[in-house]
Amino acid sequence: MSNTLAFLEKFKGDIEKMRSSAPDMLKGFGGMFQSIMKDGALKKKEKELVALGIAVAQRCEPCINLHVQKCLEAGNSPGEIIEAASVAVMMQGGPAYTHIPVVIEALEALAPKT
């Protein structure tokens, strides 16, 4: 199993632990996430690319895995995802560059095979 798939599987359990240990935090964050990430002036598809770029720039591997998955679910292609991650490298430099393999691994694990 890839690191991405292992993380996503574990994270499901982590969400359940948070639901019982910190329900108000989970409800508050979840509500904010759902409200902000719905279609508006920017479509969900675009917002997920922005979120992925920030995840790469912040070097947050869990966020990268989650937002690659959400980018794909929102209809982004692997090419669009790599390009958004590349913009993060241009803005953040070397530390973001070293996290592009995390994006690629997540795509390999989650993108439909063509």
C-alpha atoms as a PDB file:
ATOM      1  CA  MET A   1       0.000   0.000   0.000  1.00  0.00           C
ATOM      2  CA  SER A   2       1.318   3.458  -0.848  1.00  0.00           C
ATOM      3  CA  ASN A   3       2.067   6.036   1.834  1.00  0.00           C
ATOM      4  CA  THR A   4      -0.822   8.098   0.455  1.00  0.00           C
ATOM      5  CA  LEU A   5      -3.375   5.303   0.728  1.00  0.00           C
ATOM      6  CA  ALA A   6      -2.093   4.312   4.166  1.00  0.00           C
ATOM      7  CA  PHE A   7      -2.370   7.928   5.335  1.00  0.00           C
ATOM      8  CA  LEU A   8      -5.900   8.352   3.961  1.00  0.00           C
ATOM      9  CA  GLU A   9      -7.043   5.123   5.599  1.00  0.00           C
ATOM     10  CA  LYS A  10      -5.537   6.124   8.955  1.00  0.00           C
ATOM     11  CA  PHE A  11      -6.980   9.624   8.675  1.00  0.00           C
ATOM     12  CA  LYS A  12     -10.515   8.212   8.547  1.00  0.00           C
ATOM     13  CA  GLY A  13      -9.913   6.786  12.011  1.00  0.00           C
ATOM     14  CA  ASP A  14      -8.261  10.010  13.148  1.00  0.00           C
ATOM     15  CA  ILE A  15     -11.385  11.946  12.155  1.00  0.00           C
ATOM     16  CA  GLU A  16     -13.482   9.622  14.295  1.00  0.00           C
ATOM     17  CA  LYS A  17     -11.128  10.172  17.242  1.00  0.00           C
ATOM     18  CA  MET A  18     -11.405  13.930  16.743  1.00  0.00           C
ATOM     19  CA  ARG A  19     -15.178  13.629  16.486  1.00  0.00           C
ATOM     20  CA  SER A  20     -15.311  12.094  19.974  1.00  0.00           C
ATOM     21  CA  SER A  21     -12.432  14.051  21.566  1.00  0.00           C
ATOM     22  CA  ALA A  22     -12.943  17.498  20.025  1.00  0.00           C
ATOM     23  CA  PRO A  23     -16.428  17.609  18.491  1.00  0.00           C
ATOM     24  CA  ASP A  24     -16.753  21.402  18.607  1.00  0.00           C
ATOM     25  CA  MET A  25     -13.429  21.885  16.836  1.00  0.00           C
ATOM     26  CA  LEU A  26     -14.356  19.333  14.180  1.00  0.00           C
ATOM     27  CA  LYS A  27     -17.793  20.870  13.679  1.00  0.00           C
ATOM     28  CA  GLY A  28     -16.386  24.397  13.499  1.00  0.00           C
ATOM     29  CA  PHE A  29     -13.589  23.559  11.082  1.00  0.00           C
ATOM     30  CA  GLY A  30     -15.832  21.331   8.985  1.00  0.00           C
ATOM     31  CA  GLY A  31     -18.463  24.027   8.693  1.00  0.00           C
ATOM     32  CA  MET A  32     -15.900  26.630   7.689  1.00  0.00           C
ATOM     33  CA  PHE A  33     -14.343  24.224   5.160  1.00  0.00           C
ATOM     34  CA  GLN A  34     -17.705  23.384   3.568  1.00  0.00           C
ATOM     35  CA  SER A  35     -18.781  27.014   3.438  1.00  0.00           C
ATOM     36  CA  ILE A  36     -15.567  28.294   1.894  1.00  0.00           C
ATOM     37  CA  MET A  37     -14.907  25.429  -0.526  1.00  0.00           C
ATOM     38  CA  LYS A  38     -18.305  25.504  -2.253  1.00  0.00           C
ATOM     39  CA  ASP A  39     -18.655  27.153  -5.659  1.00  0.00           C
ATOM     40  CA  GLY A  40     -18.623  30.932  -5.564  1.00  0.00           C
ATOM     41  CA  ALA A  41     -16.656  33.473  -7.584  1.00  0.00           C
ATOM     42  CA  LEU A  42     -14.105  30.660  -7.771  1.00  0.00           C
ATOM     43  CA  LYS A  43     -15.317  27.146  -8.475  1.00  0.00           C
ATOM     44  CA  LYS A  44     -14.523  24.313  -6.060  1.00  0.00           C
ATOM     45  CA  LYS A  45     -12.170  22.922  -8.697  1.00  0.00           C
ATOM     46  CA  GLU A  46     -10.095  26.118  -8.616  1.00  0.00           C
ATOM     47  CA  LYS A  47     -10.242  26.452  -4.840  1.00  0.00           C
ATOM     48  CA  GLU A  48      -8.822  22.951  -4.431  1.00  0.00           C
ATOM     49  CA  LEU A  49      -5.862  23.864  -6.658  1.00  0.00           C
ATOM     50  CA  VAL A  50      -5.240  26.928  -4.465  1.00  0.00           C
ATOM     51  CA  ALA A  51      -5.438  24.751  -1.340  1.00  0.00           C
ATOM     52  CA  LEU A  52      -3.003  22.270  -2.855  1.00  0.00           C
ATOM     53  CA  GLY A  53      -0.563  25.042  -3.741  1.00  0.00           C
ATOM     54  CA  ILE A  54      -0.663  26.297  -0.169  1.00  0.00           C
ATOM     55  CA  ALA A  55      -0.201  22.752   1.149  1.00  0.00           C
ATOM     56  CA  VAL A  56       2.922  22.339  -1.000  1.00  0.00           C
ATOM     57  CA  ALA A  57       4.255  25.781  -0.011  1.00  0.00           C
ATOM     58  CA  GLN A  58       3.687  24.938   3.672  1.00  0.00           C
ATOM     59  CA  ARG A  59       5.240  21.481   3.173  1.00  0.00           C
ATOM     60  CA  CYS A  60       2.254  19.786   4.840  1.00  0.00           C
ATOM     61  CA  GLU A  61       2.256  16.178   3.615  1.00  0.00           C
ATOM     62  CA  PRO A  62      -1.138  15.318   5.126  1.00  0.00           C
ATOM     63  CA  CYS A  63      -2.622  18.415   3.465  1.00  0.00           C
ATOM     64  CA  ILE A  64      -0.979  17.508   0.150  1.00  0.00           C
ATOM     65  CA  ASN A  65      -2.483  14.014   0.245  1.00  0.00           C
ATOM     66  CA  LEU A  66      -5.931  15.279   1.187  1.00  0.00           C
ATOM     67  CA  HIS A  67      -5.982  18.070  -1.400  1.00  0.00           C
ATOM     68  CA  VAL A  68      -4.668  15.915  -4.249  1.00  0.00           C
ATOM     69  CA  GLN A  69      -7.609  13.625  -3.483  1.00  0.00           C
ATOM     70  CA  LYS A  70     -10.017  16.574  -3.332  1.00  0.00           C
ATOM     71  CA  CYS A  71      -8.548  18.080  -6.524  1.00  0.00           C
ATOM     72  CA  LEU A  72      -9.230  14.832  -8.365  1.00  0.00           C
ATOM     73  CA  GLU A  73     -12.743  14.596  -6.891  1.00  0.00           C
ATOM     74  CA  ALA A  74     -13.407  18.175  -8.040  1.00  0.00           C
ATOM     75  CA  GLY A  75     -12.473  17.244 -11.618  1.00  0.00           C
ATOM     76  CA  ASN A  76      -8.889  18.451 -11.883  1.00  0.00           C
ATOM     77  CA  SER A  77      -6.550  16.494 -14.129  1.00  0.00           C
ATOM     78  CA  PRO A  78      -3.150  15.259 -12.968  1.00  0.00           C
ATOM     79  CA  GLY A  79      -1.617  17.890 -15.272  1.00  0.00           C
ATOM     80  CA  GLU A  80      -3.559  20.692 -13.582  1.00  0.00           C
ATOM     81  CA  ILE A  81      -2.544  19.371 -10.173  1.00  0.00           C
ATOM     82  CA  ILE A  82       1.156  19.224 -11.073  1.00  0.00           C
ATOM     83  CA  GLU A  83       0.970  22.713 -12.564  1.00  0.00           C
ATOM     84  CA  ALA A  84      -0.625  24.155  -9.402  1.00  0.00           C
ATOM     85  CA  ALA A  85       2.039  22.445  -7.289  1.00  0.00           C
ATOM     86  CA  SER A  86       4.691  23.877  -9.619  1.00  0.00           C
ATOM     87  CA  VAL A  87       3.405  27.408  -8.977  1.00  0.00           C
ATOM     88  CA  ALA A  88       3.946  26.750  -5.260  1.00  0.00           C
ATOM     89  CA  VAL A  89       7.551  25.791  -6.013  1.00  0.00           C
ATOM     90  CA  MET A  90       8.041  29.008  -7.979  1.00  0.00           C
ATOM     91  CA  MET A  91       6.715  31.021  -5.019  1.00  0.00           C
ATOM     92  CA  GLN A  92       8.293  29.015  -2.167  1.00  0.00           C
ATOM     93  CA  GLY A  93      11.467  27.593  -3.696  1.00  0.00           C
ATOM     94  CA  GLY A  94      13.453  24.559  -2.614  1.00  0.00           C
ATOM     95  CA  PRO A  95      11.418  23.453   0.400  1.00  0.00           C
ATOM     96  CA  ALA A  96       8.292  23.229  -1.778  1.00  0.00           C
ATOM     97  CA  TYR A  97      10.327  21.599  -4.570  1.00  0.00           C
ATOM     98  CA  THR A  98      11.247  18.727  -2.260  1.00  0.00           C
ATOM     99  CA  HIS A  99       7.533  18.012  -1.695  1.00  0.00           C
ATOM    100  CA  ILE A 100       6.582  17.548  -5.352  1.00  0.00           C
ATOM    101  CA  PRO A 101       7.320  13.804  -5.008  1.00  0.00           C
ATOM    102  CA  VAL A 102       4.555  13.689  -2.370  1.00  0.00           C
ATOM    103  CA  VAL A 103       2.151  15.169  -4.943  1.00  0.00           C
ATOM    104  CA  ILE A 104       3.304  12.666  -7.574  1.00  0.00           C
ATOM    105  CA  GLU A 105       2.952   9.739  -5.159  1.00  0.00           C
ATOM    106  CA  ALA A 106      -0.574  10.857  -4.240  1.00  0.00           C
ATOM    107  CA  LEU A 107      -1.482  11.140  -7.926  1.00  0.00           C
ATOM    108  CA  GLU A 108      -0.073   7.694  -8.631  1.00  0.00           C
ATOM    109  CA  ALA A 109      -2.151   6.268  -5.797  1.00  0.00           C
ATOM    110  CA  LEU A 110      -5.377   8.171  -6.445  1.00  0.00           C
ATOM    111  CA  ALA A 111      -5.686   9.252 -10.086  1.00  0.00           C
ATOM    112  CA  PRO A 112      -7.580   6.972 -12.420  1.00  0.00           C
ATOM    113  CA  LYS A 113      -5.208   5.040 -14.619  1.00  0.00           C
ATOM    114  CA  THR A 114      -5.473   6.009 -18.274  1.00  0.00           C
END
